[in-house]
Amino acid sequence: MKKQTATVNTDLRMLELRRELWDTARELRCAYDRFDFITDPGLIESGIYDINALKSRYDFLLRKMKAMQGRSVQERGSVPLPMEPACVPAGNMNGGKSCPS
């Protein structure tokens, strides 16, 4: 019973982290959109600060999610699936796999 409660808590925390990550990505897109329309030189620095802060938050949340996923895989005793090599843009490849569109 205790292990099931821990799994449920982990799953709920993962959902919460995923929602925070999604919200941060949305805020980052909005910050980039706002930055595109800044005309006052005094606000450019502020726009850059906002974008950098949101990128840092996004990276933090992503690292936290990956750490929790790794821990939850180990707790369940499962063997993680082998990772496929990363895809690259078609212009950078030499007969390799390209990214799906």
PDB file of N, CA and C in Angstrom:
ATOM      1  N   MET A   1       0.824  -1.196   0.000  1.00  0.00           N
ATOM      2  CA  MET A   1       0.000   0.000   0.000  1.00  0.00           C
ATOM      3  C   MET A   1       0.866   1.256   0.000  1.00  0.00           C
ATOM      4  N   LYS A   2       1.968   1.220   0.748  1.00  0.00           N
ATOM      5  CA  LYS A   2       2.836   2.381   0.855  1.00  0.00           C
ATOM      6  C   LYS A   2       3.517   2.678  -0.485  1.00  0.00           C
ATOM      7  N   LYS A   3       3.936   1.616  -1.212  1.00  0.00           N
ATOM      8  CA  LYS A   3       4.594   1.799  -2.502  1.00  0.00           C
ATOM      9  C   LYS A   3       3.619   2.401  -3.505  1.00  0.00           C
ATOM     10  N   GLN A   4       2.362   1.982  -3.471  1.00  0.00           N
ATOM     11  CA  GLN A   4       1.358   2.523  -4.382  1.00  0.00           C
ATOM     12  C   GLN A   4       1.145   4.013  -4.097  1.00  0.00           C
ATOM     13  N   THR A   5       1.116   4.413  -2.842  1.00  0.00           N
ATOM     14  CA  THR A   5       0.961   5.819  -2.473  1.00  0.00           C
ATOM     15  C   THR A   5       2.143   6.628  -2.976  1.00  0.00           C
ATOM     16  N   ALA A   6       3.350   6.077  -2.856  1.00  0.00           N
ATOM     17  CA  ALA A   6       4.543   6.776  -3.343  1.00  0.00           C
ATOM     18  C   ALA A   6       4.480   6.949  -4.854  1.00  0.00           C
ATOM     19  N   THR A   7       4.002   5.929  -5.567  1.00  0.00           N
ATOM     20  CA  THR A   7       3.883   6.014  -7.023  1.00  0.00           C
ATOM     21  C   THR A   7       2.853   7.060  -7.418  1.00  0.00           C
ATOM     22  N   VAL A   8       1.741   7.100  -6.718  1.00  0.00           N
ATOM     23  CA  VAL A   8       0.700   8.083  -7.007  1.00  0.00           C
ATOM     24  C   VAL A   8       1.227   9.492  -6.756  1.00  0.00           C
ATOM     25  N   ASN A   9       1.943   9.683  -5.640  1.00  0.00           N
ATOM     26  CA  ASN A   9       2.521  10.995  -5.338  1.00  0.00           C
ATOM     27  C   ASN A   9       3.533  11.411  -6.402  1.00  0.00           C
ATOM     28  N   THR A  10       4.359  10.461  -6.851  1.00  0.00           N
ATOM     29  CA  THR A  10       5.336  10.756  -7.894  1.00  0.00           C
ATOM     30  C   THR A  10       4.636  11.127  -9.187  1.00  0.00           C
ATOM     31  N   ASP A  11       3.581  10.388  -9.539  1.00  0.00           N
ATOM     32  CA  ASP A  11       2.832  10.679 -10.761  1.00  0.00           C
ATOM     33  C   ASP A  11       2.175  12.056 -10.688  1.00  0.00           C
ATOM     34  N   LEU A  12       1.626  12.398  -9.533  1.00  0.00           N
ATOM     35  CA  LEU A  12       1.005  13.715  -9.377  1.00  0.00           C
ATOM     36  C   LEU A  12       2.044  14.821  -9.476  1.00  0.00           C
ATOM     37  N   ARG A  13       3.224  14.596  -8.892  1.00  0.00           N
ATOM     38  CA  ARG A  13       4.292  15.595  -8.966  1.00  0.00           C
ATOM     39  C   ARG A  13       4.778  15.750 -10.410  1.00  0.00           C
ATOM     40  N   MET A  14       4.848  14.638 -11.150  1.00  0.00           N
ATOM     41  CA  MET A  14       5.240  14.709 -12.556  1.00  0.00           C
ATOM     42  C   MET A  14       4.218  15.508 -13.366  1.00  0.00           C
ATOM     43  N   LEU A  15       2.945  15.301 -13.100  1.00  0.00           N
ATOM     44  CA  LEU A  15       1.903  16.073 -13.795  1.00  0.00           C
ATOM     45  C   LEU A  15       2.029  17.558 -13.473  1.00  0.00           C
ATOM     46  N   GLU A  16       2.303  17.863 -12.222  1.00  0.00           N
ATOM     47  CA  GLU A  16       2.467  19.257 -11.809  1.00  0.00           C
ATOM     48  C   GLU A  16       3.694  19.877 -12.494  1.00  0.00           C
ATOM     49  N   LEU A  17       4.798  19.138 -12.537  1.00  0.00           N
ATOM     50  CA  LEU A  17       6.000  19.638 -13.199  1.00  0.00           C
ATOM     51  C   LEU A  17       5.757  19.832 -14.697  1.00  0.00           C
ATOM     52  N   ARG A  18       5.041  18.898 -15.299  1.00  0.00           N
ATOM     53  CA  ARG A  18       4.736  19.018 -16.724  1.00  0.00           C
ATOM     54  C   ARG A  18       3.898  20.257 -16.992  1.00  0.00           C
ATOM     55  N   ARG A  19       2.940  20.525 -16.120  1.00  0.00           N
ATOM     56  CA  ARG A  19       2.094  21.714 -16.270  1.00  0.00           C
ATOM     57  C   ARG A  19       2.923  22.996 -16.101  1.00  0.00           C
ATOM     58  N   GLU A  20       3.829  22.992 -15.107  1.00  0.00           N
ATOM     59  CA  GLU A  20       4.709  24.158 -14.912  1.00  0.00           C
ATOM     60  C   GLU A  20       5.618  24.368 -16.118  1.00  0.00           C
ATOM     61  N   LEU A  21       6.133  23.277 -16.665  1.00  0.00           N
ATOM     62  CA  LEU A  21       6.998  23.362 -17.836  1.00  0.00           C
ATOM     63  C   LEU A  21       6.218  23.921 -19.031  1.00  0.00           C
ATOM     64  N   TRP A  22       5.008  23.437 -19.220  1.00  0.00           N
ATOM     65  CA  TRP A  22       4.153  23.919 -20.304  1.00  0.00           C
ATOM     66  C   TRP A  22       3.857  25.419 -20.138  1.00  0.00           C
ATOM     67  N   ASP A  23       3.518  25.832 -18.929  1.00  0.00           N
ATOM     68  CA  ASP A  23       3.228  27.252 -18.669  1.00  0.00           C
ATOM     69  C   ASP A  23       4.464  28.121 -18.899  1.00  0.00           C
ATOM     70  N   THR A  24       5.618  27.631 -18.470  1.00  0.00           N
ATOM     71  CA  THR A  24       6.852  28.393 -18.658  1.00  0.00           C
ATOM     72  C   THR A  24       7.181  28.523 -20.141  1.00  0.00           C
ATOM     73  N   ALA A  25       6.962  27.461 -20.911  1.00  0.00           N
ATOM     74  CA  ALA A  25       7.210  27.525 -22.354  1.00  0.00           C
ATOM     75  C   ALA A  25       6.278  28.544 -23.003  1.00  0.00           C
ATOM     76  N   ARG A  26       5.031  28.573 -22.559  1.00  0.00           N
ATOM     77  CA  ARG A  26       4.067  29.552 -23.091  1.00  0.00           C
ATOM     78  C   ARG A  26       4.499  30.971 -22.737  1.00  0.00           C
ATOM     79  N   GLU A  27       4.923  31.188 -21.503  1.00  0.00           N
ATOM     80  CA  GLU A  27       5.391  32.508 -21.079  1.00  0.00           C
ATOM     81  C   GLU A  27       6.636  32.925 -21.857  1.00  0.00           C
ATOM     82  N   LEU A  28       7.504  31.958 -22.152  1.00  0.00           N
ATOM     83  CA  LEU A  28       8.713  32.252 -22.917  1.00  0.00           C
ATOM     84  C   LEU A  28       8.364  32.684 -24.340  1.00  0.00           C
ATOM     85  N   ARG A  29       7.400  31.994 -24.965  1.00  0.00           N
ATOM     86  CA  ARG A  29       6.957  32.405 -26.305  1.00  0.00           C
ATOM     87  C   ARG A  29       6.385  33.820 -26.271  1.00  0.00           C
ATOM     88  N   CYS A  30       5.620  34.126 -25.235  1.00  0.00           N
ATOM     89  CA  CYS A  30       5.058  35.477 -25.099  1.00  0.00           C
ATOM     90  C   CYS A  30       6.167  36.513 -24.898  1.00  0.00           C
ATOM     91  N   ALA A  31       7.188  36.166 -24.114  1.00  0.00           N
ATOM     92  CA  ALA A  31       8.298  37.094 -23.875  1.00  0.00           C
ATOM     93  C   ALA A  31       9.047  37.373 -25.182  1.00  0.00           C
ATOM     94  N   TYR A  32       9.248  36.333 -25.996  1.00  0.00           N
ATOM     95  CA  TYR A  32       9.880  36.544 -27.298  1.00  0.00           C
ATOM     96  C   TYR A  32       9.004  37.431 -28.189  1.00  0.00           C
ATOM     97  N   ASP A  33       7.697  37.194 -28.172  1.00  0.00           N
ATOM     98  CA  ASP A  33       6.785  38.031 -28.971  1.00  0.00           C
ATOM     99  C   ASP A  33       6.836  39.491 -28.516  1.00  0.00           C
ATOM    100  N   ARG A  34       6.825  39.714 -27.209  1.00  0.00           N
ATOM    101  CA  ARG A  34       6.923  41.088 -26.693  1.00  0.00           C
ATOM    102  C   ARG A  34       8.243  41.730 -27.107  1.00  0.00           C
ATOM    103  N   PHE A  35       9.322  40.947 -27.035  1.00  0.00           N
ATOM    104  CA  PHE A  35      10.638  41.470 -27.367  1.00  0.00           C
ATOM    105  C   PHE A  35      10.703  41.901 -28.840  1.00  0.00           C
ATOM    106  N   ASP A  36       9.997  41.175 -29.699  1.00  0.00           N
ATOM    107  CA  ASP A  36       9.996  41.518 -31.120  1.00  0.00           C
ATOM    108  C   ASP A  36       9.406  42.899 -31.391  1.00  0.00           C
ATOM    109  N   PHE A  37       8.569  43.393 -30.489  1.00  0.00           N
ATOM    110  CA  PHE A  37       7.896  44.667 -30.710  1.00  0.00           C
ATOM    111  C   PHE A  37       8.412  45.806 -29.837  1.00  0.00           C
ATOM    112  N   ILE A  38       9.495  45.581 -29.117  1.00  0.00           N
ATOM    113  CA  ILE A  38      10.070  46.638 -28.275  1.00  0.00           C
ATOM    114  C   ILE A  38      10.732  47.675 -29.168  1.00  0.00           C
ATOM    115  N   THR A  39      10.377  48.928 -28.937  1.00  0.00           N
ATOM    116  CA  THR A  39      10.990  50.016 -29.714  1.00  0.00           C
ATOM    117  C   THR A  39      11.828  50.927 -28.821  1.00  0.00           C
ATOM    118  N   ASP A  40      11.567  50.954 -27.540  1.00  0.00           N
ATOM    119  CA  ASP A  40      12.306  51.811 -26.613  1.00  0.00           C
ATOM    120  C   ASP A  40      13.612  51.127 -26.204  1.00  0.00           C
ATOM    121  N   PRO A  41      14.752  51.761 -26.456  1.00  0.00           N
ATOM    122  CA  PRO A  41      16.036  51.149 -26.094  1.00  0.00           C
ATOM    123  C   PRO A  41      16.156  50.826 -24.602  1.00  0.00           C
ATOM    124  N   GLY A  42      15.462  51.544 -23.779  1.00  0.00           N
ATOM    125  CA  GLY A  42      15.502  51.280 -22.345  1.00  0.00           C
ATOM    126  C   GLY A  42      14.807  49.980 -21.963  1.00  0.00           C
ATOM    127  N   LEU A  43      13.877  49.510 -22.789  1.00  0.00           N
ATOM    128  CA  LEU A  43      13.148  48.273 -22.485  1.00  0.00           C
ATOM    129  C   LEU A  43      13.809  47.030 -23.067  1.00  0.00           C
ATOM    130  N   ILE A  44      14.775  47.223 -23.949  1.00  0.00           N
ATOM    131  CA  ILE A  44      15.439  46.065 -24.553  1.00  0.00           C
ATOM    132  C   ILE A  44      16.123  45.215 -23.486  1.00  0.00           C
ATOM    133  N   GLU A  45      16.820  45.857 -22.571  1.00  0.00           N
ATOM    134  CA  GLU A  45      17.500  45.126 -21.499  1.00  0.00           C
ATOM    135  C   GLU A  45      16.496  44.362 -20.636  1.00  0.00           C
ATOM    136  N   SER A  46      15.370  44.987 -20.378  1.00  0.00           N
ATOM    137  CA  SER A  46      14.330  44.335 -19.591  1.00  0.00           C
ATOM    138  C   SER A  46      13.786  43.098 -20.314  1.00  0.00           C
ATOM    139  N   GLY A  47      13.584  43.208 -21.617  1.00  0.00           N
ATOM    140  CA  GLY A  47      13.109  42.073 -22.403  1.00  0.00           C
ATOM    141  C   GLY A  47      14.091  40.922 -22.393  1.00  0.00           C
ATOM    142  N   ILE A  48      15.377  41.254 -22.516  1.00  0.00           N
ATOM    143  CA  ILE A  48      16.419  40.221 -22.484  1.00  0.00           C
ATOM    144  C   ILE A  48      16.452  39.549 -21.115  1.00  0.00           C
ATOM    145  N   TYR A  49      16.311  40.338 -20.065  1.00  0.00           N
ATOM    146  CA  TYR A  49      16.297  39.799 -18.709  1.00  0.00           C
ATOM    147  C   TYR A  49      15.126  38.820 -18.536  1.00  0.00           C
ATOM    148  N   ASP A  50      13.941  39.223 -19.006  1.00  0.00           N
ATOM    149  CA  ASP A  50      12.759  38.349 -18.898  1.00  0.00           C
ATOM    150  C   ASP A  50      12.973  37.025 -19.628  1.00  0.00           C
ATOM    151  N   ILE A  51      13.509  37.110 -20.847  1.00  0.00           N
ATOM    152  CA  ILE A  51      13.736  35.898 -21.638  1.00  0.00           C
ATOM    153  C   ILE A  51      14.752  34.992 -20.949  1.00  0.00           C
ATOM    154  N   ASN A  52      15.847  35.565 -20.465  1.00  0.00           N
ATOM    155  CA  ASN A  52      16.869  34.749 -19.794  1.00  0.00           C
ATOM    156  C   ASN A  52      16.342  34.108 -18.514  1.00  0.00           C
ATOM    157  N   ALA A  53      15.527  34.849 -17.777  1.00  0.00           N
ATOM    158  CA  ALA A  53      14.960  34.291 -16.541  1.00  0.00           C
ATOM    159  C   ALA A  53      14.029  33.123 -16.860  1.00  0.00           C
ATOM    160  N   LEU A  54      13.204  33.266 -17.880  1.00  0.00           N
ATOM    161  CA  LEU A  54      12.278  32.190 -18.246  1.00  0.00           C
ATOM    162  C   LEU A  54      13.024  30.989 -18.818  1.00  0.00           C
ATOM    163  N   LYS A  55      14.088  31.223 -19.583  1.00  0.00           N
ATOM    164  CA  LYS A  55      14.890  30.113 -20.096  1.00  0.00           C
ATOM    165  C   LYS A  55      15.546  29.350 -18.947  1.00  0.00           C
ATOM    166  N   SER A  56      16.022  30.071 -17.942  1.00  0.00           N
ATOM    167  CA  SER A  56      16.623  29.413 -16.775  1.00  0.00           C
ATOM    168  C   SER A  56      15.590  28.580 -16.030  1.00  0.00           C
ATOM    169  N   ARG A  57      14.398  29.120 -15.859  1.00  0.00           N
ATOM    170  CA  ARG A  57      13.325  28.380 -15.189  1.00  0.00           C
ATOM    171  C   ARG A  57      12.951  27.134 -15.983  1.00  0.00           C
ATOM    172  N   TYR A  58      12.842  27.275 -17.297  1.00  0.00           N
ATOM    173  CA  TYR A  58      12.497  26.149 -18.155  1.00  0.00           C
ATOM    174  C   TYR A  58      13.557  25.049 -18.028  1.00  0.00           C
ATOM    175  N   ASP A  59      14.834  25.421 -18.089  1.00  0.00           N
ATOM    176  CA  ASP A  59      15.916  24.444 -17.962  1.00  0.00           C
ATOM    177  C   ASP A  59      15.882  23.745 -16.607  1.00  0.00           C
ATOM    178  N   PHE A  60      15.620  24.516 -15.554  1.00  0.00           N
ATOM    179  CA  PHE A  60      15.533  23.940 -14.208  1.00  0.00           C
ATOM    180  C   PHE A  60      14.416  22.904 -14.129  1.00  0.00           C
ATOM    181  N   LEU A  61      13.234  23.267 -14.625  1.00  0.00           N
ATOM    182  CA  LEU A  61      12.098  22.345 -14.575  1.00  0.00           C
ATOM    183  C   LEU A  61      12.356  21.101 -15.412  1.00  0.00           C
ATOM    184  N   LEU A  62      12.986  21.279 -16.560  1.00  0.00           N
ATOM    185  CA  LEU A  62      13.285  20.138 -17.417  1.00  0.00           C
ATOM    186  C   LEU A  62      14.268  19.185 -16.740  1.00  0.00           C
ATOM    187  N   ARG A  63      15.315  19.727 -16.123  1.00  0.00           N
ATOM    188  CA  ARG A  63      16.271  18.883 -15.385  1.00  0.00           C
ATOM    189  C   ARG A  63      15.579  18.148 -14.237  1.00  0.00           C
ATOM    190  N   LYS A  64      14.688  18.849 -13.543  1.00  0.00           N
ATOM    191  CA  LYS A  64      13.976  18.239 -12.415  1.00  0.00           C
ATOM    192  C   LYS A  64      13.084  17.091 -12.894  1.00  0.00           C
ATOM    193  N   MET A  65      12.392  17.300 -14.021  1.00  0.00           N
ATOM    194  CA  MET A  65      11.538  16.241 -14.571  1.00  0.00           C
ATOM    195  C   MET A  65      12.365  15.034 -14.988  1.00  0.00           C
ATOM    196  N   LYS A  66      13.481  15.284 -15.650  1.00  0.00           N
ATOM    197  CA  LYS A  66      14.333  14.181 -16.087  1.00  0.00           C
ATOM    198  C   LYS A  66      14.881  13.411 -14.900  1.00  0.00           C
ATOM    199  N   ALA A  67      15.247  14.116 -13.849  1.00  0.00           N
ATOM    200  CA  ALA A  67      15.745  13.452 -12.647  1.00  0.00           C
ATOM    201  C   ALA A  67      14.657  12.594 -12.012  1.00  0.00           C
ATOM    202  N   MET A  68      13.445  13.110 -11.958  1.00  0.00           N
ATOM    203  CA  MET A  68      12.336  12.338 -11.376  1.00  0.00           C
ATOM    204  C   MET A  68      12.005  11.129 -12.238  1.00  0.00           C
ATOM    205  N   GLN A  69      12.064  11.282 -13.548  1.00  0.00           N
ATOM    206  CA  GLN A  69      11.790  10.147 -14.426  1.00  0.00           C
ATOM    207  C   GLN A  69      12.835   9.064 -14.246  1.00  0.00           C
ATOM    208  N   GLY A  70      14.082   9.451 -14.121  1.00  0.00           N
ATOM    209  CA  GLY A  70      15.142   8.475 -13.909  1.00  0.00           C
ATOM    210  C   GLY A  70      14.979   7.752 -12.596  1.00  0.00           C
ATOM    211  N   ARG A  71      14.601   8.499 -11.556  1.00  0.00           N
ATOM    212  CA  ARG A  71      14.404   7.904 -10.236  1.00  0.00           C
ATOM    213  C   ARG A  71      13.198   6.977 -10.256  1.00  0.00           C
ATOM    214  N   SER A  72      12.106   7.378 -10.921  1.00  0.00           N
ATOM    215  CA  SER A  72      10.914   6.546 -10.916  1.00  0.00           C
ATOM    216  C   SER A  72      11.154   5.265 -11.709  1.00  0.00           C
ATOM    217  N   VAL A  73      11.963   5.318 -12.772  1.00  0.00           N
ATOM    218  CA  VAL A  73      12.294   4.109 -13.517  1.00  0.00           C
ATOM    219  C   VAL A  73      13.099   3.167 -12.638  1.00  0.00           C
ATOM    220  N   GLN A  74      14.050   3.701 -11.875  1.00  0.00           N
ATOM    221  CA  GLN A  74      14.868   2.864 -11.007  1.00  0.00           C
ATOM    222  C   GLN A  74      14.034   2.279  -9.878  1.00  0.00           C
ATOM    223  N   GLU A  75      13.097   3.057  -9.331  1.00  0.00           N
ATOM    224  CA  GLU A  75      12.273   2.569  -8.230  1.00  0.00           C
ATOM    225  C   GLU A  75      11.399   1.409  -8.680  1.00  0.00           C
ATOM    226  N   ARG A  76      10.905   1.459  -9.902  1.00  0.00           N
ATOM    227  CA  ARG A  76      10.019   0.410 -10.393  1.00  0.00           C
ATOM    228  C   ARG A  76      10.794  -0.835 -10.810  1.00  0.00           C
ATOM    229  N   GLY A  77      12.117  -0.727 -10.887  1.00  0.00           N
ATOM    230  CA  GLY A  77      12.917  -1.880 -11.251  1.00  0.00           C
ATOM    231  C   GLY A  77      12.934  -2.142 -12.740  1.00  0.00           C
ATOM    232  N   SER A  78      12.459  -1.217 -13.542  1.00  0.00           N
ATOM    233  CA  SER A  78      12.448  -1.394 -14.983  1.00  0.00           C
ATOM    234  C   SER A  78      13.790  -1.003 -15.568  1.00  0.00           C
ATOM    235  N   VAL A  79      14.081  -1.557 -16.700  1.00  0.00           N
ATOM    236  CA  VAL A  79      15.290  -1.188 -17.419  1.00  0.00           C
ATOM    237  C   VAL A  79      14.881  -0.140 -18.447  1.00  0.00           C
ATOM    238  N   PRO A  80      15.538   1.030 -18.449  1.00  0.00           N
ATOM    239  CA  PRO A  80      15.150   2.046 -19.422  1.00  0.00           C
ATOM    240  C   PRO A  80      15.440   1.580 -20.847  1.00  0.00           C
ATOM    241  N   LEU A  81      14.623   2.031 -21.777  1.00  0.00           N
ATOM    242  CA  LEU A  81      14.805   1.681 -23.173  1.00  0.00           C
ATOM    243  C   LEU A  81      16.054   2.364 -23.717  1.00  0.00           C
ATOM    244  N   PRO A  82      16.749   1.729 -24.647  1.00  0.00           N
ATOM    245  CA  PRO A  82      17.921   2.384 -25.233  1.00  0.00           C
ATOM    246  C   PRO A  82      17.484   3.617 -26.012  1.00  0.00           C
ATOM    247  N   MET A  83      18.278   4.667 -25.902  1.00  0.00           N
ATOM    248  CA  MET A  83      17.933   5.907 -26.572  1.00  0.00           C
ATOM    249  C   MET A  83      18.401   5.861 -28.016  1.00  0.00           C
ATOM    250  N   GLU A  84      17.581   6.420 -28.893  1.00  0.00           N
ATOM    251  CA  GLU A  84      17.967   6.535 -30.289  1.00  0.00           C
ATOM    252  C   GLU A  84      18.911   7.719 -30.424  1.00  0.00           C
ATOM    253  N   PRO A  85      19.787   7.689 -31.402  1.00  0.00           N
ATOM    254  CA  PRO A  85      20.643   8.855 -31.607  1.00  0.00           C
ATOM    255  C   PRO A  85      19.804  10.062 -31.985  1.00  0.00           C
ATOM    256  N   ALA A  86      20.255  11.220 -31.572  1.00  0.00           N
ATOM    257  CA  ALA A  86      19.520  12.445 -31.854  1.00  0.00           C
ATOM    258  C   ALA A  86      19.476  12.686 -33.357  1.00  0.00           C
ATOM    259  N   CYS A  87      18.350  13.209 -33.816  1.00  0.00           N
ATOM    260  CA  CYS A  87      18.236  13.541 -35.227  1.00  0.00           C
ATOM    261  C   CYS A  87      18.851  14.917 -35.460  1.00  0.00           C
ATOM    262  N   VAL A  88      19.261  15.165 -36.689  1.00  0.00           N
ATOM    263  CA  VAL A  88      19.895  16.427 -37.034  1.00  0.00           C
ATOM    264  C   VAL A  88      19.191  17.023 -38.240  1.00  0.00           C
ATOM    265  N   PRO A  89      19.262  18.339 -38.415  1.00  0.00           N
ATOM    266  CA  PRO A  89      18.676  18.935 -39.609  1.00  0.00           C
ATOM    267  C   PRO A  89      19.309  18.341 -40.863  1.00  0.00           C
ATOM    268  N   ALA A  90      18.540  18.241 -41.925  1.00  0.00           N
ATOM    269  CA  ALA A  90      18.991  17.585 -43.154  1.00  0.00           C
ATOM    270  C   ALA A  90      20.262  18.215 -43.711  1.00  0.00           C
ATOM    271  N   GLY A  91      20.470  19.514 -43.548  1.00  0.00           N
ATOM    272  CA  GLY A  91      21.652  20.168 -44.074  1.00  0.00           C
ATOM    273  C   GLY A  91      22.923  19.775 -43.348  1.00  0.00           C
ATOM    274  N   ASN A  92      22.814  19.236 -42.146  1.00  0.00           N
ATOM    275  CA  ASN A  92      23.991  18.888 -41.346  1.00  0.00           C
ATOM    276  C   ASN A  92      24.326  17.407 -41.366  1.00  0.00           C
ATOM    277  N   MET A  93      23.608  16.629 -42.132  1.00  0.00           N
ATOM    278  CA  MET A  93      23.804  15.189 -42.025  1.00  0.00           C
ATOM    279  C   MET A  93      24.549  14.617 -43.222  1.00  0.00           C
ATOM    280  N   ASN A  94      25.213  13.519 -42.990  1.00  0.00           N
ATOM    281  CA  ASN A  94      25.915  12.775 -44.038  1.00  0.00           C
ATOM    282  C   ASN A  94      25.337  11.376 -44.083  1.00  0.00           C
ATOM    283  N   GLY A  95      24.204  11.228 -44.682  1.00  0.00           N
ATOM    284  CA  GLY A  95      23.568   9.925 -44.772  1.00  0.00           C
ATOM    285  C   GLY A  95      22.927   9.452 -43.484  1.00  0.00           C
ATOM    286  N   GLY A  96      22.768  10.336 -42.493  1.00  0.00           N
ATOM    287  CA  GLY A  96      22.170   9.972 -41.218  1.00  0.00           C
ATOM    288  C   GLY A  96      20.666  10.134 -41.219  1.00  0.00           C
ATOM    289  N   LYS A  97      20.098  10.026 -40.077  1.00  0.00           N
ATOM    290  CA  LYS A  97      18.651  10.121 -39.898  1.00  0.00           C
ATOM    291  C   LYS A  97      18.251  11.575 -39.762  1.00  0.00           C
ATOM    292  N   SER A  98      17.186  11.975 -40.414  1.00  0.00           N
ATOM    293  CA  SER A  98      16.743  13.358 -40.316  1.00  0.00           C
ATOM    294  C   SER A  98      15.584  13.449 -39.326  1.00  0.00           C
ATOM    295  N   CYS A  99      15.351  14.646 -38.834  1.00  0.00           N
ATOM    296  CA  CYS A  99      14.275  14.880 -37.881  1.00  0.00           C
ATOM    297  C   CYS A  99      12.923  14.800 -38.570  1.00  0.00           C
ATOM    298  N   PRO A 100      11.921  14.226 -37.904  1.00  0.00           N
ATOM    299  CA  PRO A 100      10.575  14.237 -38.486  1.00  0.00           C
ATOM    300  C   PRO A 100      10.019  15.652 -38.459  1.00  0.00           C
ATOM    301  N   SER A 101       9.231  15.982 -39.455  1.00  0.00           N
ATOM    302  CA  SER A 101       8.658  17.317 -39.534  1.00  0.00           C
ATOM    303  C   SER A 101       7.409  17.428 -38.730  1.00  0.00           C
TER     304      SER A 101
END
